[in-house]
Amino acid sequence: EFVQAWMGLGRGFEYGDIVADTTGAFFFAFLFFILQKSWLPDKP
């Protein structure tokens, strides 16, 4: 977001994008944590 504002190529800084980026990053990381048992080997 900061690079978009700095570049000035028609892409802009948006706080809403930061919220969406952060929410998606943590939501899907924790979803991975919950679901990882389904593809891990039975024995380490």
All heavy atoms as atom14 arrays in JSON, in Angstrom:
{
  "sequence": "EFVQAWMGLGRGFEYGDIVADTTGAFFFAFLFFILQKSWLPDKP",
  "atom14_mask": [
    [1, 1, 1, 1, 1, 1, 1, 1, 1, 0, 0, 0, 0, 0],
    [1, 1, 1, 1, 1, 1, 1, 1, 1, 1, 1, 0, 0, 0],
    [1, 1, 1, 1, 1, 1, 1, 0, 0, 0, 0, 0, 0, 0],
    [1, 1, 1, 1, 1, 1, 1, 1, 1, 0, 0, 0, 0, 0],
    [1, 1, 1, 1, 1, 0, 0, 0, 0, 0, 0, 0, 0, 0],
    [1, 1, 1, 1, 1, 1, 1, 1, 1, 1, 1, 1, 1, 1],
    [1, 1, 1, 1, 1, 1, 1, 1, 0, 0, 0, 0, 0, 0],
    [1, 1, 1, 1, 0, 0, 0, 0, 0, 0, 0, 0, 0, 0],
    [1, 1, 1, 1, 1, 1, 1, 1, 0, 0, 0, 0, 0, 0],
    [1, 1, 1, 1, 0, 0, 0, 0, 0, 0, 0, 0, 0, 0],
    [1, 1, 1, 1, 1, 1, 1, 1, 1, 1, 1, 0, 0, 0],
    [1, 1, 1, 1, 0, 0, 0, 0, 0, 0, 0, 0, 0, 0],
    [1, 1, 1, 1, 1, 1, 1, 1, 1, 1, 1, 0, 0, 0],
    [1, 1, 1, 1, 1, 1, 1, 1, 1, 0, 0, 0, 0, 0],
    [1, 1, 1, 1, 1, 1, 1, 1, 1, 1, 1, 1, 0, 0],
    [1, 1, 1, 1, 0, 0, 0, 0, 0, 0, 0, 0, 0, 0],
    [1, 1, 1, 1, 1, 1, 1, 1, 0, 0, 0, 0, 0, 0],
    [1, 1, 1, 1, 1, 1, 1, 1, 0, 0, 0, 0, 0, 0],
    [1, 1, 1, 1, 1, 1, 1, 0, 0, 0, 0, 0, 0, 0],
    [1, 1, 1, 1, 1, 0, 0, 0, 0, 0, 0, 0, 0, 0],
    [1, 1, 1, 1, 1, 1, 1, 1, 0, 0, 0, 0, 0, 0],
    [1, 1, 1, 1, 1, 1, 1, 0, 0, 0, 0, 0, 0, 0],
    [1, 1, 1, 1, 1, 1, 1, 0, 0, 0, 0, 0, 0, 0],
    [1, 1, 1, 1, 0, 0, 0, 0, 0, 0, 0, 0, 0, 0],
    [1, 1, 1, 1, 1, 0, 0, 0, 0, 0, 0, 0, 0, 0],
    [1, 1, 1, 1, 1, 1, 1, 1, 1, 1, 1, 0, 0, 0],
    [1, 1, 1, 1, 1, 1, 1, 1, 1, 1, 1, 0, 0, 0],
    [1, 1, 1, 1, 1, 1, 1, 1, 1, 1, 1, 0, 0, 0],
    [1, 1, 1, 1, 1, 0, 0, 0, 0, 0, 0, 0, 0, 0],
    [1, 1, 1, 1, 1, 1, 1, 1, 1, 1, 1, 0, 0, 0],
    [1, 1, 1, 1, 1, 1, 1, 1, 0, 0, 0, 0, 0, 0],
    [1, 1, 1, 1, 1, 1, 1, 1, 1, 1, 1, 0, 0, 0],
    [1, 1, 1, 1, 1, 1, 1, 1, 1, 1, 1, 0, 0, 0],
    [1, 1, 1, 1, 1, 1, 1, 1, 0, 0, 0, 0, 0, 0],
    [1, 1, 1, 1, 1, 1, 1, 1, 0, 0, 0, 0, 0, 0],
    [1, 1, 1, 1, 1, 1, 1, 1, 1, 0, 0, 0, 0, 0],
    [1, 1, 1, 1, 1, 1, 1, 1, 1, 0, 0, 0, 0, 0],
    [1, 1, 1, 1, 1, 1, 0, 0, 0, 0, 0, 0, 0, 0],
    [1, 1, 1, 1, 1, 1, 1, 1, 1, 1, 1, 1, 1, 1],
    [1, 1, 1, 1, 1, 1, 1, 1, 0, 0, 0, 0, 0, 0],
    [1, 1, 1, 1, 1, 1, 1, 0, 0, 0, 0, 0, 0, 0],
    [1, 1, 1, 1, 1, 1, 1, 1, 0, 0, 0, 0, 0, 0],
    [1, 1, 1, 1, 1, 1, 1, 1, 1, 0, 0, 0, 0, 0],
    [1, 1, 1, 1, 1, 1, 1, 0, 0, 0, 0, 0, 0, 0]
  ],
  "atom14_positions": [
    [[0.84, -1.21, 0.0], [0.0, 0.0, 0.0], [0.87, 1.26, 0.0], [0.58, 2.22, -0.72], [-0.95, 0.0, 1.2], [-2.09, -0.98, 1.07], [-2.94, -0.77, -0.16], [-3.37, 0.38, -0.4], [-3.17, -1.75, -0.89], [0.0, 0.0, 0.0], [0.0, 0.0, 0.0], [0.0, 0.0, 0.0], [0.0, 0.0, 0.0], [0.0, 0.0, 0.0]],
    [[1.92, 1.26, 0.78], [2.82, 2.42, 0.81], [3.56, 2.57, -0.52], [3.75, 3.68, -1.01], [3.81, 2.32, 1.98], [3.19, 2.68, 3.28], [2.76, 1.7, 4.17], [3.02, 4.01, 3.64], [2.17, 2.03, 5.37], [2.44, 4.36, 4.86], [2.01, 3.37, 5.73], [0.0, 0.0, 0.0], [0.0, 0.0, 0.0], [0.0, 0.0, 0.0]],
    [[3.97, 1.45, -1.11], [4.66, 1.5, -2.41], [3.72, 2.03, -3.49], [4.12, 2.83, -4.33], [5.23, 0.12, -2.79], [5.73, 0.09, -4.23], [6.36, -0.27, -1.84], [0.0, 0.0, 0.0], [0.0, 0.0, 0.0], [0.0, 0.0, 0.0], [0.0, 0.0, 0.0], [0.0, 0.0, 0.0], [0.0, 0.0, 0.0], [0.0, 0.0, 0.0]],
    [[2.45, 1.61, -3.46], [1.48, 2.12, -4.43], [1.37, 3.64, -4.33], [1.34, 4.33, -5.36], [0.1, 1.5, -4.18], [-0.03, 0.07, -4.63], [-1.39, -0.51, -4.29], [-2.09, -0.04, -3.39], [-1.77, -1.55, -5.02], [0.0, 0.0, 0.0], [0.0, 0.0, 0.0], [0.0, 0.0, 0.0], [0.0, 0.0, 0.0], [0.0, 0.0, 0.0]],
    [[1.3, 4.16, -3.14], [1.2, 5.61, -2.96], [2.48, 6.3, -3.45], [2.42, 7.34, -4.1], [0.96, 5.95, -1.49], [0.0, 0.0, 0.0], [0.0, 0.0, 0.0], [0.0, 0.0, 0.0], [0.0, 0.0, 0.0], [0.0, 0.0, 0.0], [0.0, 0.0, 0.0], [0.0, 0.0, 0.0], [0.0, 0.0, 0.0], [0.0, 0.0, 0.0]],
    [[3.61, 5.73, -3.17], [4.9, 6.3, -3.55], [5.1, 6.29, -5.07], [5.62, 7.23, -5.63], [6.01, 5.53, -2.84], [7.38, 5.94, -3.26], [8.06, 7.07, -2.9], [8.23, 5.22, -4.15], [9.28, 7.09, -3.5], [9.43, 5.96, -4.28], [8.13, 4.01, -4.84], [10.48, 5.54, -5.06], [9.18, 3.59, -5.62], [10.34, 4.36, -5.73]],
    [[4.67, 5.21, -5.74], [4.9, 5.07, -7.18], [4.1, 6.1, -7.98], [4.56, 6.54, -9.03], [4.53, 3.66, -7.65], [5.51, 2.61, -7.22], [4.98, 0.92, -7.63], [4.69, 1.01, -9.36], [0.0, 0.0, 0.0], [0.0, 0.0, 0.0], [0.0, 0.0, 0.0], [0.0, 0.0, 0.0], [0.0, 0.0, 0.0], [0.0, 0.0, 0.0]],
    [[2.9, 6.41, -7.55], [2.08, 7.37, -8.27], [1.69, 6.94, -9.67], [1.65, 7.76, -10.58], [0.0, 0.0, 0.0], [0.0, 0.0, 0.0], [0.0, 0.0, 0.0], [0.0, 0.0, 0.0], [0.0, 0.0, 0.0], [0.0, 0.0, 0.0], [0.0, 0.0, 0.0], [0.0, 0.0, 0.0], [0.0, 0.0, 0.0], [0.0, 0.0, 0.0]],
    [[1.39, 5.66, -9.85], [1.03, 5.15, -11.18], [-0.47, 4.83, -11.27], [-0.87, 3.92, -11.98], [1.84, 3.9, -11.51], [3.34, 4.1, -11.68], [4.04, 2.77, -11.89], [3.62, 5.03, -12.86], [0.0, 0.0, 0.0], [0.0, 0.0, 0.0], [0.0, 0.0, 0.0], [0.0, 0.0, 0.0], [0.0, 0.0, 0.0], [0.0, 0.0, 0.0]],
    [[-1.26, 5.58, -10.54], [-2.7, 5.35, -10.62], [-3.2, 4.37, -9.57], [-4.4, 4.16, -9.45], [0.0, 0.0, 0.0], [0.0, 0.0, 0.0], [0.0, 0.0, 0.0], [0.0, 0.0, 0.0], [0.0, 0.0, 0.0], [0.0, 0.0, 0.0], [0.0, 0.0, 0.0], [0.0, 0.0, 0.0], [0.0, 0.0, 0.0], [0.0, 0.0, 0.0]],
    [[-2.31, 3.77, -8.82], [-2.71, 2.88, -7.73], [-2.59, 3.68, -6.45], [-1.61, 4.36, -6.23], [-1.8, 1.64, -7.67], [-1.64, 0.86, -8.96], [-2.94, 0.29, -9.5], [-3.54, -0.72, -8.68], [-3.4, -2.03, -8.84], [-2.64, -2.49, -9.81], [-4.0, -2.87, -8.05], [0.0, 0.0, 0.0], [0.0, 0.0, 0.0], [0.0, 0.0, 0.0]],
    [[-3.56, 3.59, -5.58], [-3.55, 4.44, -4.4], [-3.5, 3.68, -3.1], [-3.83, 2.5, -3.02], [0.0, 0.0, 0.0], [0.0, 0.0, 0.0], [0.0, 0.0, 0.0], [0.0, 0.0, 0.0], [0.0, 0.0, 0.0], [0.0, 0.0, 0.0], [0.0, 0.0, 0.0], [0.0, 0.0, 0.0], [0.0, 0.0, 0.0], [0.0, 0.0, 0.0]],
    [[-3.11, 4.39, -2.07], [-3.08, 3.89, -0.7], [-4.51, 3.86, -0.16], [-5.23, 4.85, -0.26], [-2.21, 4.83, 0.15], [-2.1, 4.42, 1.58], [-1.02, 3.68, 2.01], [-3.06, 4.79, 2.5], [-0.9, 3.31, 3.35], [-2.96, 4.43, 3.84], [-1.87, 3.68, 4.26], [0.0, 0.0, 0.0], [0.0, 0.0, 0.0], [0.0, 0.0, 0.0]],
    [[-4.92, 2.73, 0.41], [-6.26, 2.63, 1.01], [-6.17, 1.88, 2.32], [-5.65, 0.77, 2.38], [-7.22, 1.87, 0.08], [-7.63, 2.61, -1.16], [-8.69, 1.84, -1.95], [-9.61, 1.28, -1.31], [-8.59, 1.81, -3.18], [0.0, 0.0, 0.0], [0.0, 0.0, 0.0], [0.0, 0.0, 0.0], [0.0, 0.0, 0.0], [0.0, 0.0, 0.0]],
    [[-6.69, 2.5, 3.38], [-6.73, 1.82, 4.68], [-7.6, 0.56, 4.61], [-7.31, -0.44, 5.27], [-7.24, 2.76, 5.77], [-6.23, 3.8, 6.16], [-6.4, 5.12, 5.8], [-5.09, 3.45, 6.87], [-5.47, 6.09, 6.15], [-4.14, 4.41, 7.22], [-4.34, 5.72, 6.86], [-3.41, 6.67, 7.2], [0.0, 0.0, 0.0], [0.0, 0.0, 0.0]],
    [[-8.65, 0.61, 3.8], [-9.51, -0.57, 3.64], [-8.75, -1.75, 3.07], [-9.02, -2.91, 3.45], [0.0, 0.0, 0.0], [0.0, 0.0, 0.0], [0.0, 0.0, 0.0], [0.0, 0.0, 0.0], [0.0, 0.0, 0.0], [0.0, 0.0, 0.0], [0.0, 0.0, 0.0], [0.0, 0.0, 0.0], [0.0, 0.0, 0.0], [0.0, 0.0, 0.0]],
    [[-7.81, -1.5, 2.18], [-6.98, -2.59, 1.64], [-6.08, -3.18, 2.72], [-5.87, -4.39, 2.77], [-6.13, -2.1, 0.46], [-6.95, -1.85, -0.8], [-8.14, -2.24, -0.84], [-6.4, -1.24, -1.73], [0.0, 0.0, 0.0], [0.0, 0.0, 0.0], [0.0, 0.0, 0.0], [0.0, 0.0, 0.0], [0.0, 0.0, 0.0], [0.0, 0.0, 0.0]],
    [[-5.56, -2.32, 3.58], [-4.71, -2.8, 4.68], [-5.52, -3.71, 5.6], [-5.05, -4.78, 6.02], [-4.08, -1.63, 5.45], [-3.01, -0.95, 4.59], [-3.49, -2.09, 6.78], [-2.41, 0.29, 5.19], [0.0, 0.0, 0.0], [0.0, 0.0, 0.0], [0.0, 0.0, 0.0], [0.0, 0.0, 0.0], [0.0, 0.0, 0.0], [0.0, 0.0, 0.0]],
    [[-6.73, -3.3, 5.91], [-7.59, -4.12, 6.76], [-7.89, -5.46, 6.08], [-7.81, -6.52, 6.7], [-8.9, -3.37, 7.11], [-9.9, -4.29, 7.79], [-8.6, -2.15, 7.97], [0.0, 0.0, 0.0], [0.0, 0.0, 0.0], [0.0, 0.0, 0.0], [0.0, 0.0, 0.0], [0.0, 0.0, 0.0], [0.0, 0.0, 0.0], [0.0, 0.0, 0.0]],
    [[-8.2, -5.41, 4.79], [-8.5, -6.64, 4.05], [-7.26, -7.55, 3.96], [-7.37, -8.77, 4.15], [-9.0, -6.3, 2.65], [0.0, 0.0, 0.0], [0.0, 0.0, 0.0], [0.0, 0.0, 0.0], [0.0, 0.0, 0.0], [0.0, 0.0, 0.0], [0.0, 0.0, 0.0], [0.0, 0.0, 0.0], [0.0, 0.0, 0.0], [0.0, 0.0, 0.0]],
    [[-6.1, -6.97, 3.69], [-4.86, -7.75, 3.61], [-4.58, -8.46, 4.94], [-4.28, -9.66, 4.97], [-3.66, -6.85, 3.29], [-3.77, -6.13, 1.96], [-4.6, -6.52, 1.12], [-3.01, -5.17, 1.77], [0.0, 0.0, 0.0], [0.0, 0.0, 0.0], [0.0, 0.0, 0.0], [0.0, 0.0, 0.0], [0.0, 0.0, 0.0], [0.0, 0.0, 0.0]],
    [[-4.68, -7.7, 6.02], [-4.37, -8.24, 7.35], [-5.39, -9.29, 7.78], [-5.02, -10.36, 8.28], [-4.31, -7.08, 8.38], [-3.34, -6.14, 7.92], [-3.93, -7.58, 9.75], [0.0, 0.0, 0.0], [0.0, 0.0, 0.0], [0.0, 0.0, 0.0], [0.0, 0.0, 0.0], [0.0, 0.0, 0.0], [0.0, 0.0, 0.0], [0.0, 0.0, 0.0]],
    [[-6.65, -8.99, 7.55], [-7.71, -9.94, 7.91], [-7.54, -11.25, 7.14], [-7.6, -12.34, 7.73], [-9.1, -9.34, 7.62], [-9.22, -8.12, 8.36], [-10.21, -10.29, 8.01], [0.0, 0.0, 0.0], [0.0, 0.0, 0.0], [0.0, 0.0, 0.0], [0.0, 0.0, 0.0], [0.0, 0.0, 0.0], [0.0, 0.0, 0.0], [0.0, 0.0, 0.0]],
    [[-7.32, -11.15, 5.84], [-7.13, -12.35, 5.03], [-5.91, -13.14, 5.44], [-5.95, -14.37, 5.55], [0.0, 0.0, 0.0], [0.0, 0.0, 0.0], [0.0, 0.0, 0.0], [0.0, 0.0, 0.0], [0.0, 0.0, 0.0], [0.0, 0.0, 0.0], [0.0, 0.0, 0.0], [0.0, 0.0, 0.0], [0.0, 0.0, 0.0], [0.0, 0.0, 0.0]],
    [[-4.8, -12.45, 5.7], [-3.55, -13.12, 6.07], [-3.75, -13.95, 7.34], [-3.39, -15.13, 7.38], [-2.44, -12.1, 6.26], [0.0, 0.0, 0.0], [0.0, 0.0, 0.0], [0.0, 0.0, 0.0], [0.0, 0.0, 0.0], [0.0, 0.0, 0.0], [0.0, 0.0, 0.0], [0.0, 0.0, 0.0], [0.0, 0.0, 0.0], [0.0, 0.0, 0.0]],
    [[-4.32, -13.35, 8.38], [-4.48, -14.06, 9.64], [-5.6, -15.1, 9.59], [-5.46, -16.2, 10.14], [-4.69, -13.09, 10.8], [-3.41, -12.43, 11.22], [-3.16, -11.11, 10.89], [-2.45, -13.13, 11.92], [-1.97, -10.5, 11.25], [-1.25, -12.54, 12.29], [-1.01, -11.22, 11.97], [0.0, 0.0, 0.0], [0.0, 0.0, 0.0], [0.0, 0.0, 0.0]],
    [[-6.7, -14.78, 8.92], [-7.8, -15.75, 8.83], [-7.34, -17.03, 8.14], [-7.56, -18.14, 8.65], [-8.99, -15.14, 8.06], [-10.08, -16.14, 7.82], [-10.98, -16.47, 8.82], [-10.21, -16.78, 6.58], [-11.98, -17.42, 8.61], [-11.2, -17.72, 6.36], [-12.09, -18.03, 7.38], [0.0, 0.0, 0.0], [0.0, 0.0, 0.0], [0.0, 0.0, 0.0]],
    [[-6.69, -16.9, 6.98], [-6.28, -18.09, 6.25], [-5.11, -18.81, 6.91], [-5.0, -20.04, 6.82], [-5.98, -17.75, 4.79], [-7.23, -17.54, 3.99], [-7.7, -16.28, 3.71], [-7.97, -18.63, 3.55], [-8.87, -16.09, 3.01], [-9.14, -18.46, 2.84], [-9.6, -17.18, 2.56], [0.0, 0.0, 0.0], [0.0, 0.0, 0.0], [0.0, 0.0, 0.0]],
    [[-4.24, -18.09, 7.62], [-3.16, -18.75, 8.36], [-3.76, -19.63, 9.46], [-3.36, -20.79, 9.63], [-2.21, -17.71, 8.95], [0.0, 0.0, 0.0], [0.0, 0.0, 0.0], [0.0, 0.0, 0.0], [0.0, 0.0, 0.0], [0.0, 0.0, 0.0], [0.0, 0.0, 0.0], [0.0, 0.0, 0.0], [0.0, 0.0, 0.0], [0.0, 0.0, 0.0]],
    [[-4.74, -19.1, 10.2], [-5.35, -19.89, 11.26], [-6.24, -21.0, 10.7], [-6.34, -22.07, 11.3], [-6.09, -18.99, 12.25], [-5.16, -18.23, 13.13], [-4.96, -16.88, 12.95], [-4.42, -18.88, 14.11], [-4.07, -16.18, 13.74], [-3.51, -18.2, 14.91], [-3.34, -16.84, 14.73], [0.0, 0.0, 0.0], [0.0, 0.0, 0.0], [0.0, 0.0, 0.0]],
    [[-6.84, -20.79, 9.56], [-7.58, -21.87, 8.89], [-6.62, -23.0, 8.53], [-6.93, -24.18, 8.7], [-8.3, -21.33, 7.65], [-9.22, -22.3, 6.93], [-10.37, -22.72, 7.84], [-9.76, -21.65, 5.66], [0.0, 0.0, 0.0], [0.0, 0.0, 0.0], [0.0, 0.0, 0.0], [0.0, 0.0, 0.0], [0.0, 0.0, 0.0], [0.0, 0.0, 0.0]],
    [[-5.44, -22.65, 8.03], [-4.4, -23.65, 7.74], [-4.09, -24.45, 9.0], [-4.0, -25.68, 8.96], [-3.14, -22.94, 7.23], [-1.99, -23.86, 6.93], [-1.76, -24.31, 5.64], [-1.12, -24.27, 7.93], [-0.7, -25.14, 5.36], [-0.06, -25.11, 7.66], [0.15, -25.55, 6.38], [0.0, 0.0, 0.0], [0.0, 0.0, 0.0], [0.0, 0.0, 0.0]],
    [[-3.92, -23.77, 10.12], [-3.61, -24.41, 11.39], [-4.67, -25.45, 11.76], [-4.35, -26.56, 12.16], [-3.47, -23.36, 12.49], [-3.17, -23.93, 13.84], [-1.94, -24.48, 14.13], [-4.13, -23.89, 14.84], [-1.66, -24.99, 15.38], [-3.87, -24.4, 16.09], [-2.63, -24.95, 16.37], [0.0, 0.0, 0.0], [0.0, 0.0, 0.0], [0.0, 0.0, 0.0]],
    [[-5.92, -25.07, 11.59], [-7.03, -25.97, 11.95], [-7.1, -27.17, 11.01], [-7.35, -28.28, 11.44], [-8.37, -25.19, 11.94], [-8.36, -24.16, 13.07], [-9.56, -26.12, 12.03], [-9.47, -23.12, 12.97], [0.0, 0.0, 0.0], [0.0, 0.0, 0.0], [0.0, 0.0, 0.0], [0.0, 0.0, 0.0], [0.0, 0.0, 0.0], [0.0, 0.0, 0.0]],
    [[-6.88, -26.94, 9.72], [-7.07, -27.99, 8.71], [-5.83, -28.83, 8.43], [-5.94, -29.86, 7.76], [-7.56, -27.36, 7.4], [-8.9, -26.66, 7.46], [-9.23, -26.02, 6.12], [-10.0, -27.63, 7.89], [0.0, 0.0, 0.0], [0.0, 0.0, 0.0], [0.0, 0.0, 0.0], [0.0, 0.0, 0.0], [0.0, 0.0, 0.0], [0.0, 0.0, 0.0]],
    [[-4.66, -28.45, 8.93], [-3.44, -29.15, 8.54], [-3.44, -30.63, 8.92], [-2.78, -31.44, 8.27], [-2.21, -28.45, 9.09], [-2.03, -28.53, 10.58], [-0.78, -27.82, 11.06], [0.21, -27.73, 10.34], [-0.83, -27.32, 12.27], [0.0, 0.0, 0.0], [0.0, 0.0, 0.0], [0.0, 0.0, 0.0], [0.0, 0.0, 0.0], [0.0, 0.0, 0.0]],
    [[-4.21, -31.03, 9.92], [-4.26, -32.43, 10.32], [-4.77, -33.34, 9.18], [-4.46, -34.51, 9.12], [-5.15, -32.61, 11.54], [-4.6, -31.95, 12.77], [-5.58, -32.02, 13.9], [-5.1, -31.16, 15.05], [-6.12, -30.93, 16.03], [0.0, 0.0, 0.0], [0.0, 0.0, 0.0], [0.0, 0.0, 0.0], [0.0, 0.0, 0.0], [0.0, 0.0, 0.0]],
    [[-5.57, -32.75, 8.29], [-6.17, -33.56, 7.23], [-5.19, -34.0, 6.15], [-5.47, -34.93, 5.42], [-7.35, -32.82, 6.59], [-6.9, -31.65, 5.95], [0.0, 0.0, 0.0], [0.0, 0.0, 0.0], [0.0, 0.0, 0.0], [0.0, 0.0, 0.0], [0.0, 0.0, 0.0], [0.0, 0.0, 0.0], [0.0, 0.0, 0.0], [0.0, 0.0, 0.0]],
    [[-4.02, -33.35, 6.03], [-3.06, -33.78, 5.02], [-1.71, -34.23, 5.58], [-0.84, -34.65, 4.84], [-2.83, -32.68, 3.97], [-2.25, -31.41, 4.49], [-0.94, -31.18, 4.8], [-2.96, -30.22, 4.78], [-0.79, -29.92, 5.26], [-2.02, -29.29, 5.26], [-4.28, -29.84, 4.68], [-2.37, -28.01, 5.64], [-4.62, -28.57, 5.06], [-3.69, -27.68, 5.53]],
    [[-1.55, -34.11, 6.89], [-0.28, -34.54, 7.47], [-0.23, -36.05, 7.59], [-1.27, -36.71, 7.73], [-0.09, -33.91, 8.85], [0.12, -32.39, 8.85], [0.17, -31.87, 10.29], [1.37, -32.02, 8.11], [0.0, 0.0, 0.0], [0.0, 0.0, 0.0], [0.0, 0.0, 0.0], [0.0, 0.0, 0.0], [0.0, 0.0, 0.0], [0.0, 0.0, 0.0]],
    [[0.97, -36.62, 7.56], [1.08, -38.08, 7.75], [0.56, -38.47, 9.14], [0.6, -37.67, 10.07], [2.58, -38.36, 7.63], [3.26, -37.08, 7.36], [2.24, -35.98, 7.39], [0.0, 0.0, 0.0], [0.0, 0.0, 0.0], [0.0, 0.0, 0.0], [0.0, 0.0, 0.0], [0.0, 0.0, 0.0], [0.0, 0.0, 0.0], [0.0, 0.0, 0.0]],
    [[0.08, -39.71, 9.25], [-0.44, -40.18, 10.54], [0.66, -40.2, 11.6], [0.42, -39.86, 12.74], [-1.03, -41.58, 10.39], [-2.29, -41.56, 9.53], [-2.96, -40.51, 9.49], [-2.59, -42.58, 8.89], [0.0, 0.0, 0.0], [0.0, 0.0, 0.0], [0.0, 0.0, 0.0], [0.0, 0.0, 0.0], [0.0, 0.0, 0.0], [0.0, 0.0, 0.0]],
    [[1.84, -40.61, 11.21], [2.98, -40.64, 12.12], [4.0, -39.64, 11.64], [4.25, -39.54, 10.45], [3.61, -42.03, 12.14], [2.68, -43.1, 12.67], [3.34, -44.45, 12.62], [2.35, -45.51, 13.04], [2.88, -46.84, 12.93], [0.0, 0.0, 0.0], [0.0, 0.0, 0.0], [0.0, 0.0, 0.0], [0.0, 0.0, 0.0], [0.0, 0.0, 0.0]],
    [[4.61, -38.87, 12.56], [5.63, -37.92, 12.13], [6.75, -38.6, 11.38], [7.21, -39.67, 11.76], [6.15, -37.32, 13.44], [5.09, -37.61, 14.46], [4.39, -38.85, 13.99], [0.0, 0.0, 0.0], [0.0, 0.0, 0.0], [0.0, 0.0, 0.0], [0.0, 0.0, 0.0], [0.0, 0.0, 0.0], [0.0, 0.0, 0.0], [0.0, 0.0, 0.0]]
  ]
}
